[in-house]
Protein backbone atom coordinates (compact mmCIF):
# COMPACT_ATOMS: atom_id res chain seq x y z
CA MET A 1 10.07 28.40 7.10
CA MET A 2 8.22 26.90 4.31
CA LEU A 3 11.37 26.61 2.03
CA PRO A 4 12.49 23.15 3.27
CA GLY A 5 8.74 21.73 2.46
CA ILE A 6 8.75 23.27 -0.75
CA LEU A 7 12.10 22.18 -1.98
CA TYR A 8 11.33 18.58 -0.81
CA TYR A 9 7.96 18.52 -3.02
CA ILE A 10 9.97 20.02 -5.92
CA ILE A 11 12.81 17.70 -5.78
CA TYR A 12 11.05 14.52 -5.00
CA HIS A 13 7.50 14.87 -6.27
CA TYR A 14 7.70 17.52 -9.29
CA ILE A 15 10.94 16.92 -10.99
CA PRO A 16 10.60 13.06 -11.18
CA MET A 17 7.40 13.58 -13.20
CA GLY A 18 9.62 14.18 -16.13
CA GLY A 19 10.08 10.60 -16.07
CA LEU A 20 6.55 10.27 -17.41
CA LEU A 21 8.14 10.57 -20.83
CA ILE A 22 9.20 6.97 -20.50
CA ALA A 23 5.49 6.01 -21.09
CA PHE A 24 5.57 7.48 -24.55
CA LYS A 25 9.08 5.93 -25.36
CA LYS A 26 10.86 2.57 -26.27
CA TYR A 27 12.82 3.11 -23.13
CA ASN A 28 16.48 1.82 -23.31
CA LEU A 29 18.76 1.98 -20.33
CA VAL A 30 21.58 2.75 -22.27
CA LYS A 31 20.35 5.66 -24.18
CA GLY A 32 18.45 7.10 -21.36
CA ILE A 33 15.10 9.17 -21.26
CA TRP A 34 16.21 11.51 -23.89
CA GLY A 35 18.02 9.20 -26.27
CA SER A 36 15.29 6.70 -26.18
CA ASP A 37 13.36 6.58 -29.39
CA TRP A 38 9.61 7.51 -29.32
CA ALA A 39 6.92 5.07 -29.20
CA GLY A 40 3.63 7.29 -29.01
CA PHE A 41 0.72 5.36 -27.50
CA ASP A 42 2.22 1.78 -28.38
CA ASN A 43 2.74 1.32 -24.47
CA PHE A 44 -0.65 2.03 -23.78
CA ARG A 45 -1.99 -0.12 -26.49
CA THR A 46 -0.03 -2.95 -25.29
CA VAL A 47 -1.42 -2.68 -21.79
CA PHE A 48 -5.02 -2.38 -22.97
CA THR A 49 -4.82 -5.17 -25.60
CA SER A 50 -3.29 -7.59 -22.87
CA PRO A 51 -5.38 -10.66 -22.44
CA ASP A 52 -4.76 -10.35 -18.72
CA PHE A 53 -5.55 -6.33 -18.28
CA TRP A 54 -9.40 -6.73 -17.51
CA ASP A 55 -8.62 -9.50 -14.94
CA LEU A 56 -6.09 -7.59 -13.30
CA LEU A 57 -8.44 -4.59 -13.51
CA ARG A 58 -11.18 -6.47 -11.93
CA ASN A 59 -9.36 -8.11 -9.22
CA THR A 60 -7.66 -4.55 -8.21
CA LEU A 61 -11.16 -2.87 -8.20
CA VAL A 62 -12.68 -5.65 -6.11
CA ILE A 63 -9.97 -5.95 -3.51
CA SER A 64 -9.80 -1.88 -3.21
CA VAL A 65 -13.58 -1.83 -2.66
CA TYR A 66 -13.13 -4.45 0.02
CA ARG A 67 -10.61 -2.41 1.47
CA ILE A 68 -12.60 0.92 1.79
CA VAL A 69 -15.59 -0.84 3.08
CA PHE A 70 -14.02 -3.39 5.51
CA ASN A 71 -11.33 -0.98 6.62
CA MET A 72 -12.83 2.37 7.26
CA LEU A 73 -15.92 1.01 9.17
CA PRO A 74 -13.81 -1.05 11.57
CA ASP A 75 -11.59 2.23 12.24
CA LEU A 76 -14.75 4.17 12.68
CA LEU A 77 -16.21 1.89 15.16
CA PHE A 78 -13.05 1.12 17.00
CA ALA A 79 -12.74 4.81 17.45
CA LEU A 80 -16.24 5.26 18.86
CA ILE A 81 -15.75 2.14 21.37
CA LEU A 82 -12.43 3.78 22.54
CA ASN A 83 -14.35 7.22 22.98
CA GLU A 84 -16.70 5.49 25.13
CA ILE A 85 -14.07 4.07 27.74
CA ARG A 86 -14.01 6.21 30.81
CA LEU A 87 -10.95 4.56 32.44
CA GLN A 88 -8.16 6.49 30.95
CA TRP A 89 -5.50 3.81 31.93
CA PHE A 90 -7.54 1.01 30.42
CA LYS A 91 -7.85 2.95 27.19
CA ARG A 92 -4.20 3.77 26.91
CA VAL A 93 -3.29 0.07 27.27
CA VAL A 94 -6.09 -0.93 24.49
CA GLN A 95 -4.58 1.85 22.16
CA THR A 96 -0.97 0.58 22.75
CA ILE A 97 -1.82 -2.94 21.98
CA THR A 98 -3.85 -2.19 18.92
CA TYR A 99 -1.32 0.41 17.48
CA GLY A 100 1.38 -2.25 17.60
CA PRO A 101 0.52 -4.20 14.47
CA TYR A 102 0.46 -1.25 12.23
CA PHE A 103 4.28 -1.03 12.63
CA LEU A 104 4.88 -4.65 11.71
CA SER A 105 5.93 -5.26 7.97
CA TRP A 106 3.86 -7.43 5.73
CA ILE A 107 6.53 -9.97 5.89
CA ILE A 108 6.32 -10.48 9.58
CA VAL A 109 2.50 -10.25 9.34
CA TYR A 110 2.50 -12.95 6.56
CA GLY A 111 4.96 -15.29 8.97
CA LEU A 112 2.38 -15.11 11.53
CA VAL A 113 -0.36 -16.11 9.16
CA PHE A 114 2.01 -18.82 7.74
CA SER A 115 2.41 -20.12 11.44
CA PHE A 116 -1.31 -20.66 11.85
CA LEU A 117 -2.21 -21.73 8.32
CA ALA A 118 0.72 -23.74 6.76
CA PRO A 119 -0.80 -26.84 5.38
CA ASP A 120 1.49 -29.21 7.32
CA ALA A 121 2.43 -27.44 10.34
CA GLY A 122 0.06 -24.52 11.13
CA LEU A 123 -1.66 -24.18 14.23
CA ILE A 124 -5.20 -23.98 12.80
CA SER A 125 -4.39 -26.56 10.01
CA THR A 126 -2.95 -29.10 12.37
CA TRP A 127 -5.94 -28.82 14.60
CA TRP A 128 -8.48 -29.21 11.78
CA ARG A 129 -6.42 -32.40 10.47
CA ASP A 130 -6.35 -33.97 13.73
CA ASN A 131 -10.20 -33.19 14.13
CA THR A 132 -11.55 -33.77 10.82
CA GLY A 133 -8.90 -35.89 9.03
CA GLU A 134 -9.10 -33.41 6.32
CA THR A 135 -6.29 -31.14 4.87
CA LEU A 136 -6.64 -27.57 5.26
CA ASN A 137 -4.89 -25.23 2.82
CA LEU A 138 -6.42 -21.91 3.01
CA LEU A 139 -3.34 -20.00 1.70
CA THR A 140 -3.53 -21.61 -1.91
CA ASP A 141 -7.53 -21.73 -1.78
CA LYS A 142 -9.00 -18.96 -4.47
CA ASP A 143 -12.06 -18.43 -2.00
CA TRP A 144 -10.20 -17.65 0.88
CA PHE A 145 -7.41 -15.43 -0.66
CA ARG A 146 -9.38 -12.22 -0.49
CA PRO A 147 -10.65 -12.75 3.00
CA ILE A 148 -7.30 -13.34 4.40
CA LEU A 149 -6.31 -10.23 2.62
CA ILE A 150 -8.92 -8.35 4.34
CA ILE A 151 -8.66 -9.75 7.66
CA THR A 152 -5.04 -9.42 8.11
CA ASP A 153 -5.34 -5.76 7.03
CA ILE A 154 -8.06 -4.98 9.61
CA TRP A 155 -6.00 -6.71 12.34
CA LYS A 156 -2.70 -4.47 11.29
CA SER A 157 -4.18 -1.01 10.47
CA THR A 158 -7.40 -0.70 12.61
CA GLY A 159 -5.77 0.56 15.85
CA TYR A 160 -3.80 3.12 13.88
CA GLY A 161 -6.71 3.97 11.44
CA ALA A 162 -8.74 5.04 14.47
CA ILE A 163 -6.24 7.79 15.43
CA ILE A 164 -7.68 10.24 12.92
CA TYR A 165 -11.18 9.51 14.34
CA LEU A 166 -10.26 10.06 17.83
CA ALA A 167 -8.70 13.52 16.92
CA ALA A 168 -11.85 14.48 15.18
CA LEU A 169 -13.79 13.31 18.50
CA ALA A 170 -11.65 15.36 20.61
CA THR A 171 -12.95 18.63 18.85
CA ILE A 172 -16.40 18.13 19.50
CA ASN A 173 -17.75 20.49 22.00
CA ASN A 174 -18.51 18.70 25.54
CA GLU A 175 -21.40 21.27 25.86
CA LEU A 176 -23.46 19.38 23.19
CA TYR A 177 -23.23 16.27 25.04
CA GLU A 178 -24.24 18.08 28.35
CA ALA A 179 -27.20 19.64 26.60
CA ALA A 180 -28.16 16.13 25.18
CA VAL A 181 -28.03 14.88 28.78
CA VAL A 182 -30.41 17.52 29.98
CA ASP A 183 -32.95 16.81 27.20
CA GLY A 184 -32.85 13.13 28.27
CA ALA A 185 -30.83 11.67 25.50
CA GLY A 186 -28.90 8.42 26.23
CA ARG A 187 -25.67 7.36 24.94
CA TRP A 188 -26.98 6.00 21.76
CA ARG A 189 -28.92 8.98 21.02
CA GLN A 190 -25.74 11.03 21.83
CA ILE A 191 -23.71 8.95 19.23
CA TRP A 192 -26.25 9.18 16.54
CA HIS A 193 -27.11 12.91 16.96
CA ILE A 194 -23.77 14.21 17.99
CA THR A 195 -20.71 12.02 17.72
CA LEU A 196 -21.49 10.86 14.12
CA PRO A 197 -22.25 14.18 12.72
CA GLY A 198 -19.26 15.66 14.55
CA ILE A 199 -16.94 13.41 12.52
CA ARG A 200 -18.80 13.07 9.14
CA GLU A 201 -16.39 15.61 7.49
CA VAL A 202 -13.45 13.58 8.42
CA PHE A 203 -15.07 10.23 7.12
CA VAL A 204 -15.84 11.83 3.88
CA LEU A 205 -12.46 13.39 3.59
CA LEU A 206 -10.69 9.88 4.12
CA LEU A 207 -13.34 8.21 1.97
CA ILE A 208 -12.40 10.89 -0.96
CA LEU A 209 -8.57 10.21 -0.49
CA ARG A 210 -9.13 6.29 -0.44
CA ILE A 211 -11.12 6.53 -3.73
CA GLY A 212 -8.39 8.33 -5.49
CA HIS A 213 -6.26 5.50 -4.65
CA ILE A 214 -8.84 2.67 -5.52
CA LEU A 215 -6.17 1.43 -8.10
CA ASP A 216 -3.83 0.83 -5.48
CA ALA A 217 -5.10 -2.45 -3.97
CA GLY A 218 -1.92 -2.68 -1.61
CA PHE A 219 0.79 -4.13 -3.54
CA GLU A 220 3.23 -5.14 -0.84
CA GLN A 221 0.76 -7.18 1.15
CA VAL A 222 -0.84 -8.87 -2.10
CA TYR A 223 2.59 -9.58 -3.59
CA ILE A 224 3.55 -11.28 -0.31
CA PHE A 225 0.43 -13.32 -0.02
CA LEU A 226 0.11 -14.18 -3.64
CA ASN A 227 0.91 -17.78 -5.23
CA ALA A 228 0.44 -19.32 -8.55
CA ARG A 229 -2.82 -21.08 -7.30
CA VAL A 230 -4.63 -17.90 -6.56
CA TYR A 231 -3.31 -15.65 -9.52
CA GLU A 232 -6.99 -15.80 -10.85
CA VAL A 233 -8.27 -13.88 -7.97
CA GLY A 234 -5.21 -12.16 -6.50
CA ASP A 235 -3.23 -10.88 -9.36
CA ILE A 236 -3.60 -7.04 -9.51
CA ILE A 237 -2.15 -4.23 -11.67
CA ASP A 238 0.61 -3.71 -9.36
CA THR A 239 1.98 -7.00 -9.22
CA TRP A 240 1.76 -7.32 -13.14
CA VAL A 241 3.52 -3.99 -13.46
CA PHE A 242 6.34 -5.34 -11.15
CA ARG A 243 6.89 -8.50 -13.06
CA ARG A 244 6.69 -6.54 -16.26
CA GLY A 245 8.67 -3.47 -15.38
CA ILE A 246 11.44 -5.04 -12.80
CA GLU A 247 11.57 -8.47 -13.51
CA GLN A 248 11.49 -8.06 -17.44
CA LEU A 249 12.82 -4.80 -17.36
CA ASP A 250 9.96 -3.19 -19.73
CA PHE A 251 10.10 -0.07 -18.03
CA SER A 252 8.18 1.75 -20.76
CA VAL A 253 4.85 -0.50 -20.19
CA ALA A 254 5.15 -0.06 -16.35
CA ALA A 255 5.35 3.64 -16.70
CA ALA A 256 2.25 3.61 -19.00
CA VAL A 257 0.22 1.71 -16.23
CA GLY A 258 1.36 4.16 -13.67
CA PHE A 259 0.30 7.18 -15.75
CA PHE A 260 -3.16 5.42 -16.60
CA LYS A 261 -3.47 4.94 -12.70
CA SER A 262 -2.89 8.57 -12.00
CA ILE A 263 -5.35 9.86 -14.45
CA ILE A 264 -8.03 7.40 -13.17
CA GLY A 265 -7.18 8.59 -9.44
CA PHE A 266 -7.37 12.28 -10.41
CA VAL A 267 -10.74 11.99 -12.32
CA LEU A 268 -12.13 9.84 -9.35
CA VAL A 269 -10.75 12.38 -6.69
CA VAL A 270 -12.49 15.30 -8.45
CA THR A 271 -15.54 13.49 -8.83
CA ALA A 272 -15.81 12.35 -5.56
CA ASN A 273 -15.10 15.66 -4.19
CA LYS A 274 -17.88 17.38 -6.42
CA VAL A 275 -20.59 14.57 -5.17
CA ALA A 276 -19.47 15.26 -1.38
CA LYS A 277 -20.16 19.11 -1.95
CA LYS A 278 -23.41 18.34 -3.36
CA LEU A 279 -24.35 15.95 -0.73
CA GLY A 280 -23.56 19.05 1.78
CA GLY A 281 -20.29 18.21 2.82
CA SER A 282 -17.14 20.48 2.43
CA GLY A 283 -14.95 18.19 0.37
CA ILE A 284 -11.28 18.48 0.02
CA TRP A 285 -11.32 21.92 -1.59
């Protein structure tokens, strides 16, 4: 029964790791991986000496930290709110409505945002112009680019992200709540002393996993929302790799960046796991 899953990981996850050799070669499409000349660490030097690298790294880290802080907390709060709803039909309706946006592509989400914020024809932009006489162009405003990313990400993923917390809440023994009621604890006390401790391990687990992907700032969303006027605050490592690796066919440099991200992610996951255990959690392993 385990064989299909093992074969899947071997074929699609372990064998492709041989492609990491591209990061240490001057990869040529005609010569292939094995026929291409060795470059040593030249590709990594190209990345780290790029004048844009540190700006890209800063943007990536800032957007990723925003995602961790402003995505995990709404997921948790929404799960707690749903858990307090006693009308099951109303709870199911709310869940269905909030889960829906998760299955929309970022292209569709951008289309919806554009219909509201387009400078000339957007609903909000038109209302603002009619009432103030000023032109509102948030999509090309550097101060608004990151908030728009976070707001749209919260709208799209909060409902689906709450599923894991709801599953964890379902495992909490109801006798604990009954004992708390007998002791005179109200709903807030029950949440603080029973509900939150009951899902703490799940929260820590998800936090560790997100820290491991801190250099993945959401390529698809950022690439779709990105434009020339917001490159200073919105250009991240993945969008730079896309332009360098796909548009300029410089696969070696793109592979070097991917290798660098993997090493950093591995170190962060191991470190976060050890910190979680030191603080009394179970961690991932």
